Structure formats: structure tokens, C-alpha cells
C-alpha atoms as a PDB file:
ATOM      1  CA  MET A   1      -0.054  -0.005   0.011  1.00  0.00           C
ATOM      2  CA  SER A   2       1.500   3.326  -1.026  1.00  0.00           C
ATOM      3  CA  LEU A   3       0.431   6.947  -1.656  1.00  0.00           C
ATOM      4  CA  LEU A   4      -0.310   7.894  -5.157  1.00  0.00           C
ATOM      5  CA  THR A   5       1.144  11.029  -6.872  1.00  0.00           C
ATOM      6  CA  VAL A   6      -1.844  13.372  -7.312  1.00  0.00           C
ATOM      7  CA  ASN A   7      -2.419  17.049  -7.956  1.00  0.00           C
ATOM      8  CA  ASN A   8      -3.505  19.209  -5.122  1.00  0.00           C
ATOM      9  CA  LEU A   9      -6.968  18.523  -3.774  1.00  0.00           C
ATOM     10  CA  PHE A  10      -9.271  21.069  -1.901  1.00  0.00           C
ATOM     11  CA  ALA A  11     -12.483  20.738   0.070  1.00  0.00           C
ATOM     12  CA  SER A  12     -14.680  23.186   2.028  1.00  0.00           C
ATOM     13  CA  ALA A  13     -17.474  22.817   4.527  1.00  0.00           C
ATOM     14  CA  LYS A  14     -19.981  24.543   6.712  1.00  0.00           C
ATOM     15  CA  SER A  15     -20.152  23.588  10.422  1.00  0.00           C
ATOM     16  CA  TYR A  16     -23.319  23.627  12.377  1.00  0.00           C
ATOM     17  CA  ASP A  17     -23.333  23.636  16.241  1.00  0.00           C
ATOM     18  CA  LEU A  18     -25.076  20.530  17.500  1.00  0.00           C
ATOM     19  CA  THR A  19     -26.389  22.436  20.624  1.00  0.00           C
ATOM     20  CA  LEU A  20     -28.495  24.722  18.377  1.00  0.00           C
ATOM     21  CA  GLN A  21     -31.801  23.882  16.777  1.00  0.00           C
ATOM     22  CA  ASN A  22     -31.711  26.524  14.105  1.00  0.00           C
ATOM     23  CA  PRO A  23     -29.647  25.498  11.063  1.00  0.00           C
ATOM     24  CA  ARG A  24     -27.238  28.527  11.100  1.00  0.00           C
ATOM     25  CA  PRO A  25     -23.522  27.792  10.195  1.00  0.00           C
ATOM     26  CA  THR A  26     -21.234  28.758  13.138  1.00  0.00           C
ATOM     27  CA  PHE A  27     -18.010  28.036  11.258  1.00  0.00           C
ATOM     28  CA  SER A  28     -16.764  27.428   7.792  1.00  0.00           C
ATOM     29  CA  MET A  29     -13.834  25.290   6.788  1.00  0.00           C
ATOM     30  CA  THR A  30     -11.364  24.889   4.040  1.00  0.00           C
ATOM     31  CA  MET A  31      -8.878  21.997   3.611  1.00  0.00           C
ATOM     32  CA  SER A  32      -6.124  21.617   1.077  1.00  0.00           C
ATOM     33  CA  LEU A  33      -4.174  18.405   0.442  1.00  0.00           C
ATOM     34  CA  SER A  34      -1.001  17.631  -1.555  1.00  0.00           C
ATOM     35  CA  VAL A  35       1.554  14.824  -1.794  1.00  0.00           C
ATOM     36  CA  ASP A  36       5.304  15.382  -1.933  1.00  0.00           C
ATOM     37  CA  ASN A  37       7.859  13.334  -3.820  1.00  0.00           C
ATOM     38  CA  GLN A  38       8.499  11.332  -0.629  1.00  0.00           C
ATOM     39  CA  SER A  39       4.950  10.096  -0.645  1.00  0.00           C
ATOM     40  CA  VAL A  40       4.116  12.226   2.506  1.00  0.00           C
ATOM     41  CA  LEU A  41       0.643  13.735   2.474  1.00  0.00           C
ATOM     42  CA  HIS A  42       0.469  17.352   3.593  1.00  0.00           C
ATOM     43  CA  ILE A  43      -2.919  18.668   4.874  1.00  0.00           C
ATOM     44  CA  CYS A  44      -3.935  22.147   6.060  1.00  0.00           C
ATOM     45  CA  ARG A  45      -7.343  22.694   7.499  1.00  0.00           C
ATOM     46  CA  LYS A  46      -8.535  26.220   8.391  1.00  0.00           C
ATOM     47  CA  TRP A  47     -11.626  27.330  10.283  1.00  0.00           C
ATOM     48  CA  PHE A  48     -13.383  30.633   9.923  1.00  0.00           C
ATOM     49  CA  ALA A  49     -16.058  32.594  11.752  1.00  0.00           C
ATOM     50  CA  VAL A  50     -16.254  36.302  10.806  1.00  0.00           C
ATOM     51  CA  GLY A  51     -13.854  37.853   8.398  1.00  0.00           C
ATOM     52  CA  GLN A  52     -10.973  36.475   6.452  1.00  0.00           C
ATOM     53  CA  ASP A  53      -8.603  35.446   9.139  1.00  0.00           C
ATOM     54  CA  PRO A  54      -8.921  31.797  10.434  1.00  0.00           C
ATOM     55  CA  VAL A  55      -9.919  31.279  14.033  1.00  0.00           C
ATOM     56  CA  ALA A  56      -8.123  27.932  14.095  1.00  0.00           C
ATOM     57  CA  THR A  57      -5.615  26.102  11.790  1.00  0.00           C
ATOM     58  CA  GLU A  58      -4.479  22.548  11.737  1.00  0.00           C
ATOM     59  CA  THR A  59      -1.579  21.163   9.706  1.00  0.00           C
ATOM     60  CA  LEU A  60      -0.677  17.486   9.284  1.00  0.00           C
ATOM     61  CA  ALA A  61       2.157  15.507   7.642  1.00  0.00           C
ATOM     62  CA  TRP A  62       1.020  11.830   7.236  1.00  0.00           C
ATOM     63  CA  SER A  63       2.173   8.854   5.250  1.00  0.00           C
ATOM     64  CA  VAL A  64       0.884   5.288   4.812  1.00  0.00           C
ATOM     65  CA  ALA A  65       4.253   3.934   5.910  1.00  0.00           C
ATOM     66  CA  ASN A  66       4.790   6.018   9.045  1.00  0.00           C
ATOM     67  CA  GLY A  67       1.283   7.504  10.005  1.00  0.00           C
ATOM     68  CA  LEU A  68       1.366  10.870  11.665  1.00  0.00           C
ATOM     69  CA  GLN A  69       4.770  12.402  11.437  1.00  0.00           C
ATOM     70  CA  ARG A  70       3.982  16.053  12.323  1.00  0.00           C
ATOM     71  CA  LEU A  71       0.899  17.813  13.711  1.00  0.00           C
ATOM     72  CA  GLU A  72       0.448  21.483  14.310  1.00  0.00           C
ATOM     73  CA  MET A  73      -2.299  23.747  15.546  1.00  0.00           C
ATOM     74  CA  ALA A  74      -2.748  27.461  15.957  1.00  0.00           C
ATOM     75  CA  GLN A  75      -5.512  29.412  17.804  1.00  0.00           C
ATOM     76  CA  PRO A  76      -4.770  33.101  17.180  1.00  0.00           C
ATOM     77  CA  SER A  77      -7.358  34.476  19.546  1.00  0.00           C
ATOM     78  CA  LEU A  78      -6.173  32.217  22.401  1.00  0.00           C
ATOM     79  CA  ASN A  79      -2.422  33.019  21.769  1.00  0.00           C
ATOM     80  CA  GLU A  80      -1.868  29.221  21.417  1.00  0.00           C
ATOM     81  CA  THR A  81       0.308  27.249  19.021  1.00  0.00           C
ATOM     82  CA  GLY A  82       1.175  23.596  19.447  1.00  0.00           C
ATOM     83  CA  LEU A  83       3.385  21.149  17.566  1.00  0.00           C
ATOM     84  CA  LEU A  84       4.125  17.472  17.638  1.00  0.00           C
ATOM     85  CA  PHE A  85       7.010  15.724  15.882  1.00  0.00           C
ATOM     86  CA  HIS A  86       6.615  11.824  15.869  1.00  0.00           C
ATOM     87  CA  LYS A  87       8.805   9.079  14.806  1.00  0.00           C
ATOM     88  CA  SER A  88       8.733   5.380  15.776  1.00  0.00           C
ATOM     89  CA  GLY A  89       6.620   5.822  18.734  1.00  0.00           C
ATOM     90  CA  GLU A  90       8.521   8.797  20.253  1.00  0.00           C
ATOM     91  CA  GLY A  91       6.909  12.279  20.256  1.00  0.00           C
ATOM     92  CA  GLU A  92       8.307  15.733  20.997  1.00  0.00           C
ATOM     93  CA  PHE A  93       5.598  18.347  21.811  1.00  0.00           C
ATOM     94  CA  VAL A  94       6.257  22.091  21.572  1.00  0.00           C
ATOM     95  CA  LEU A  95       3.678  24.453  23.019  1.00  0.00           C
ATOM     96  CA  SER A  96       3.439  28.305  23.367  1.00  0.00           C
ATOM     97  CA  SER A  97       0.255  29.642  25.284  1.00  0.00           C
ATOM     98  CA  PRO A  98      -0.661  31.852  28.144  1.00  0.00           C
ATOM     99  CA  LYS A  99      -0.050  28.771  30.407  1.00  0.00           C
ATOM    100  CA  THR A 100       3.608  28.734  29.313  1.00  0.00           C
ATOM    101  CA  ASN A 101       3.737  32.576  29.568  1.00  0.00           C
ATOM    102  CA  LEU A 102       3.952  32.536  25.746  1.00  0.00           C
ATOM    103  CA  GLN A 103       7.340  30.775  25.974  1.00  0.00           C
ATOM    104  CA  ARG A 104       8.072  27.597  24.023  1.00  0.00           C
ATOM    105  CA  LYS A 105       7.752  24.549  26.269  1.00  0.00           C
ATOM    106  CA  THR A 106       9.147  21.174  25.013  1.00  0.00           C
ATOM    107  CA  LYS A 107       8.029  17.776  26.371  1.00  0.00           C
ATOM    108  CA  THR A 108       8.758  14.329  25.110  1.00  0.00           C
ATOM    109  CA  ASN A 109       6.433  11.434  25.345  1.00  0.00           C
ATOM    110  CA  ARG A 110       6.103   7.821  24.189  1.00  0.00           C
ATOM    111  CA  PHE A 111       3.090   6.478  22.576  1.00  0.00           C
ATOM    112  CA  THR A 112       1.470   3.154  23.195  1.00  0.00           C
ATOM    113  CA  TYR A 113      -0.465   3.156  20.081  1.00  0.00           C
ATOM    114  CA  GLU A 114      -0.031   5.026  16.860  1.00  0.00           C
ATOM    115  CA  PRO A 115      -0.729   8.729  17.406  1.00  0.00           C
ATOM    116  CA  ALA A 116      -3.762  10.319  15.622  1.00  0.00           C
ATOM    117  CA  SER A 117      -5.813  13.397  15.438  1.00  0.00           C
ATOM    118  CA  LEU A 118      -9.325  14.279  14.179  1.00  0.00           C
ATOM    119  CA  LEU A 119      -7.595  15.574  11.031  1.00  0.00           C
ATOM    120  CA  SER A 120      -5.549  12.346  10.461  1.00  0.00           C
ATOM    121  CA  ILE A 121      -8.415   9.862  11.265  1.00  0.00           C
ATOM    122  CA  PRO A 122      -9.949   9.862   7.753  1.00  0.00           C
ATOM    123  CA  PHE A 123      -6.564   8.808   6.152  1.00  0.00           C
ATOM    124  CA  GLU A 124      -6.097   6.096   8.883  1.00  0.00           C
ATOM    125  CA  VAL A 125      -9.585   4.921   7.879  1.00  0.00           C
ATOM    126  CA  ALA A 126      -8.638   4.815   4.116  1.00  0.00           C
ATOM    127  CA  LYS A 127      -5.481   2.788   5.019  1.00  0.00           C
ATOM    128  CA  ARG A 128      -7.439   0.314   7.038  1.00  0.00           C
ATOM    129  CA  TRP A 129     -10.624   0.348   4.930  1.00  0.00           C
ATOM    130  CA  ASP A 130     -11.171  -3.387   4.266  1.00  0.00           C
ATOM    131  CA  ALA A 131     -10.363  -4.288   7.940  1.00  0.00           C
ATOM    132  CA  LEU A 132     -12.778  -1.711   9.291  1.00  0.00           C
ATOM    133  CA  LYS A 133     -15.573  -2.867   6.878  1.00  0.00           C
ATOM    134  CA  ALA A 134     -14.900  -6.438   8.203  1.00  0.00           C
ATOM    135  CA  GLY A 135     -15.554  -5.313  11.760  1.00  0.00           C
ATOM    136  CA  GLU A 136     -12.011  -5.025  13.052  1.00  0.00           C
ATOM    137  CA  VAL A 137     -11.436  -2.464  15.838  1.00  0.00           C
ATOM    138  CA  PHE A 138      -8.379  -0.195  16.079  1.00  0.00           C
ATOM    139  CA  TYR A 139      -6.896   1.768  18.867  1.00  0.00           C
ATOM    140  CA  PHE A 140      -4.961   5.048  18.608  1.00  0.00           C
ATOM    141  CA  ASP A 141      -3.336   7.571  20.993  1.00  0.00           C
ATOM    142  CA  TYR A 142      -5.369  10.805  20.412  1.00  0.00           C
ATOM    143  CA  VAL A 143      -3.096  13.853  20.446  1.00  0.00           C
ATOM    144  CA  VAL A 144      -4.137  16.825  22.574  1.00  0.00           C
ATOM    145  CA  LEU A 145      -1.592  19.588  21.605  1.00  0.00           C
ATOM    146  CA  LYS A 146      -2.940  22.175  24.054  1.00  0.00           C
ATOM    147  CA  VAL A 147      -1.777  20.089  27.094  1.00  0.00           C
ATOM    148  CA  GLN A 148       1.038  18.133  25.448  1.00  0.00           C
ATOM    149  CA  ALA A 149      -0.592  14.835  26.166  1.00  0.00           C
ATOM    150  CA  HIS A 150      -2.497  11.937  24.514  1.00  0.00           C
ATOM    151  CA  THR A 151      -5.403   9.658  25.348  1.00  0.00           C
ATOM    152  CA  LYS A 152      -6.533   6.348  24.049  1.00  0.00           C
ATOM    153  CA  ILE A 153      -9.370   6.250  21.444  1.00  0.00           C
ATOM    154  CA  LYS A 154     -11.348   3.290  19.819  1.00  0.00           C
ATOM    155  CA  VAL A 155     -12.047   3.386  16.099  1.00  0.00           C
ATOM    156  CA  GLN A 156     -14.741   1.177  14.548  1.00  0.00           C
ATOM    157  CA  ALA A 157     -17.094   1.208  11.739  1.00  0.00           C
ATOM    158  CA  ARG A 158     -20.541  -0.129  10.624  1.00  0.00           C
ATOM    159  CA  ILE A 159     -22.928   0.279   7.677  1.00  0.00           C
ATOM    160  CA  GLU A 160     -25.731   2.756   8.393  1.00  0.00           C
ATOM    161  CA  ASN A 161     -28.324   3.948   5.791  1.00  0.00           C
ATOM    162  CA  ASP A 162     -25.985   2.824   2.886  1.00  0.00           C
ATOM    163  CA  GLN A 163     -22.906   4.616   4.362  1.00  0.00           C
ATOM    164  CA  LEU A 164     -19.955   3.491   6.263  1.00  0.00           C
ATOM    165  CA  VAL A 165     -19.980   5.376   9.519  1.00  0.00           C
ATOM    166  CA  VAL A 166     -16.718   5.344  11.414  1.00  0.00           C
ATOM    167  CA  LYS A 167     -17.078   6.054  15.171  1.00  0.00           C
ATOM    168  CA  VAL A 168     -14.176   7.422  17.161  1.00  0.00           C
ATOM    169  CA  THR A 169     -14.712   7.050  20.903  1.00  0.00           C
ATOM    170  CA  PRO A 170     -12.480   7.996  23.913  1.00  0.00           C
ATOM    171  CA  ALA A 171     -11.584   4.992  26.018  1.00  0.00           C
ATOM    172  CA  SER A 172     -11.802   7.126  29.181  1.00  0.00           C
ATOM    173  CA  TRP A 173     -15.279   7.240  30.533  1.00  0.00           C
ATOM    174  CA  PHE A 174     -14.767  10.898  31.568  1.00  0.00           C
ATOM    175  CA  TRP A 175     -13.899  12.031  28.012  1.00  0.00           C
ATOM    176  CA  ARG A 176     -16.838   9.963  26.703  1.00  0.00           C
ATOM    177  CA  LEU A 177     -19.113  11.789  29.017  1.00  0.00           C
ATOM    178  CA  VAL A 178     -17.726  15.205  27.976  1.00  0.00           C
ATOM    179  CA  PHE A 179     -17.374  14.646  24.243  1.00  0.00           C
ATOM    180  CA  GLY A 180     -19.143  11.528  23.265  1.00  0.00           C
ATOM    181  CA  SER A 181     -18.219  10.040  19.937  1.00  0.00           C
ATOM    182  CA  THR A 182     -17.225  11.693  16.657  1.00  0.00           C
ATOM    183  CA  ARG A 183     -18.534  10.040  13.534  1.00  0.00           C
ATOM    184  CA  PHE A 184     -17.087  10.190   9.997  1.00  0.00           C
ATOM    185  CA  TYR A 185     -19.456   9.478   7.199  1.00  0.00           C
ATOM    186  CA  PHE A 186     -18.040   7.753   4.107  1.00  0.00           C
ATOM    187  CA  ASP A 187     -19.564   6.112   1.026  1.00  0.00           C
ATOM    188  CA  LYS A 188     -20.207   2.427   1.600  1.00  0.00           C
ATOM    189  CA  ASP A 189     -17.920   1.091  -1.109  1.00  0.00           C
ATOM    190  CA  LYS A 190     -14.880   3.298  -1.001  1.00  0.00           C
ATOM    191  CA  PRO A 191     -13.345   5.965   1.285  1.00  0.00           C
ATOM    192  CA  VAL A 192     -15.208   8.995   0.058  1.00  0.00           C
ATOM    193  CA  LEU A 193     -15.690  11.310   3.069  1.00  0.00           C
ATOM    194  CA  ARG A 194     -18.896  13.399   3.118  1.00  0.00           C
ATOM    195  CA  LYS A 195     -19.603  14.486   6.693  1.00  0.00           C
ATOM    196  CA  ILE A 196     -18.244  14.706  10.160  1.00  0.00           C
ATOM    197  CA  ASN A 197     -20.263  14.850  13.256  1.00  0.00           C
ATOM    198  CA  GLY A 198     -18.739  15.556  16.661  1.00  0.00           C
ATOM    199  CA  LEU A 199     -15.737  17.421  18.170  1.00  0.00           C
ATOM    200  CA  ILE A 200     -14.019  20.172  15.917  1.00  0.00           C
ATOM    201  CA  GLU A 201     -10.817  22.142  16.354  1.00  0.00           C
ATOM    202  CA  PRO A 202     -12.015  25.704  17.054  1.00  0.00           C
ATOM    203  CA  ARG A 203     -12.457  26.513  20.775  1.00  0.00           C
ATOM    204  CA  ASP A 204     -12.926  29.649  22.994  1.00  0.00           C
ATOM    205  CA  LYS A 205     -12.161  30.360  26.660  1.00  0.00           C
ATOM    206  CA  LYS A 206     -14.858  31.238  29.172  1.00  0.00           C
ATOM    207  CA  HIS A 207     -14.587  33.947  31.793  1.00  0.00           C
ATOM    208  CA  ASN A 208     -13.668  31.233  34.374  1.00  0.00           C
ATOM    209  CA  GLY A 209     -10.646  30.194  32.283  1.00  0.00           C
ATOM    210  CA  LYS A 210     -12.243  26.889  31.134  1.00  0.00           C
ATOM    211  CA  TYR A 211     -12.397  26.027  27.423  1.00  0.00           C
ATOM    212  CA  LYS A 212     -15.608  26.118  25.409  1.00  0.00           C
ATOM    213  CA  GLU A 213     -15.391  23.218  22.969  1.00  0.00           C
ATOM    214  CA  TYR A 214     -17.609  22.823  19.997  1.00  0.00           C
ATOM    215  CA  LEU A 215     -19.573  19.746  18.832  1.00  0.00           C
ATOM    216  CA  ALA A 216     -20.663  20.182  15.325  1.00  0.00           C
ATOM    217  CA  ASN A 217     -22.062  18.725  12.090  1.00  0.00           C
ATOM    218  CA  VAL A 218     -19.549  19.392   9.367  1.00  0.00           C
ATOM    219  CA  GLU A 219     -21.077  19.017   5.915  1.00  0.00           C
ATOM    220  CA  LEU A 220     -18.526  18.848   3.226  1.00  0.00           C
ATOM    221  CA  GLU A 221     -19.385  20.931   0.072  1.00  0.00           C
ATOM    222  CA  GLN A 222     -17.301  18.723  -2.063  1.00  0.00           C
ATOM    223  CA  GLU A 223     -16.851  15.054  -1.565  1.00  0.00           C
ATOM    224  CA  LEU A 224     -13.239  14.102  -0.445  1.00  0.00           C
ATOM    225  CA  ASP A 225     -12.291  10.935  -2.371  1.00  0.00           C
ATOM    226  CA  LEU A 226      -9.382   9.570  -0.321  1.00  0.00           C
ATOM    227  CA  SER A 227      -8.998   6.489  -2.612  1.00  0.00           C
ATOM    228  CA  ALA A 228      -7.228   8.888  -4.924  1.00  0.00           C
ATOM    229  CA  LEU A 229      -4.548   9.424  -2.285  1.00  0.00           C
ATOM    230  CA  VAL A 230      -4.268   6.016  -0.636  1.00  0.00           C
ATOM    231  CA  LYS A 231      -3.786   2.988  -2.947  1.00  0.00           C
ATOM    232  CA  LEU A 232      -5.913   0.210  -1.494  1.00  0.00           C
END
């Protein structure tokens, strides 16, 4: 299994807050994808609210052979940037935020499972497409850049209404209570992503200092055919 060489791909979406009854988009999203000559996939996802400047940005370097290699996030209104370098189960986190007095804090960590993020999960699904369709369950270490940590997640799939729905669930009962599961909706017969339902990257900070996270329904305006990127 190896990455194919393809032209740049682009996708966009509207995001609808799951806590609201009225169908008003709360965020919009754009995502660009390209493959370099080392068969590494580079993804940049940007989230927008009002205006032309993104409220959150995620970037990822991922390959079939090595999985997640680099993950980065930026939350400009929170003065937060985070980064992970990963190789062979070893990770180096770099964080700058108000909690670090806006200084770069570095931390090393070892992963029990392959690291993953909500941005990388669709590509992990495409890589394991046949096994997931056959009912196999996979586990990953979900990367949380803002606290330089990771937590175990469970990934499984089943056919619902002629779609393959991939459910990502925290192993910890506490995080299941807070966030529930995030679901990725694909075509039944090949890894064409059409919708995401659950946790998204943008967040805000309340007056008490706690984060306000967003659970949303993200509807892609263009289908994202990952079989063009991952040779099955």
C-alpha cells in the first residue's frame, strides 16, 4: 500500500453547532491536500467565523508507511500554538500559550498506540478500509496539543443507511461523558468522506478560564475521495 502522486486537492464545508436547533452555520472550513515526492501527504485545515482570518488552523504531515509524522495547531485569539514531531513511537511536543507565559515549552512522550488526530483519522480509515468494513476495531493515541498529552481512542465502523460510519470514541469514561463519539460518514464502497459529526478544532475560553469546545455537524461541500490518495 502506498500513496499515489496526485494534484492538489481542496475541500470546503459549513459547520453547524449540535447544541443549536436552528440551522445556522457557526464556522466554515477549508482544507487543502498535496503529496510530496517522498509520498508524504500534507494537509492544512482552516476554520473561519467572521472575516477572512482563520480562528483555528491545523496542519498535518502523514504517510501510509509512518502514519502521523507532524501535527500543528494555531488558535490566534487564544495565543496558542502547538506542535508534535513523531517518529517510531517517540513524540516531541512544543507548546506556546498563556499557560507557558507565551514561551516555548518542550516535552517528550512515548506513545502506546499510533498517534492520531481528528484531522488524520480519515486517512487512517482509508488505510484500514477493508479491515474496518470487516468489523475490526483499532486503537490510537489521540493527540491533545494544548496540554502536550494523549489519550486512548477506539475506532470502529458499521454500515448505516447505505454509508460506512466510522465512530471514534475516547476509552476514558470521563472524556466519553464530555465529548461523546465523533463520527465520520463515508460512501459504503470506497473511502469518500462526506460528513463529520462531533468534536471540531475551534474553541474559545470562558470567563472562568475553562475552554468552550464545539460539537458540530460538518457538511462537506465537495466530496473528499481518499481512494485517490491512498492505494488500496
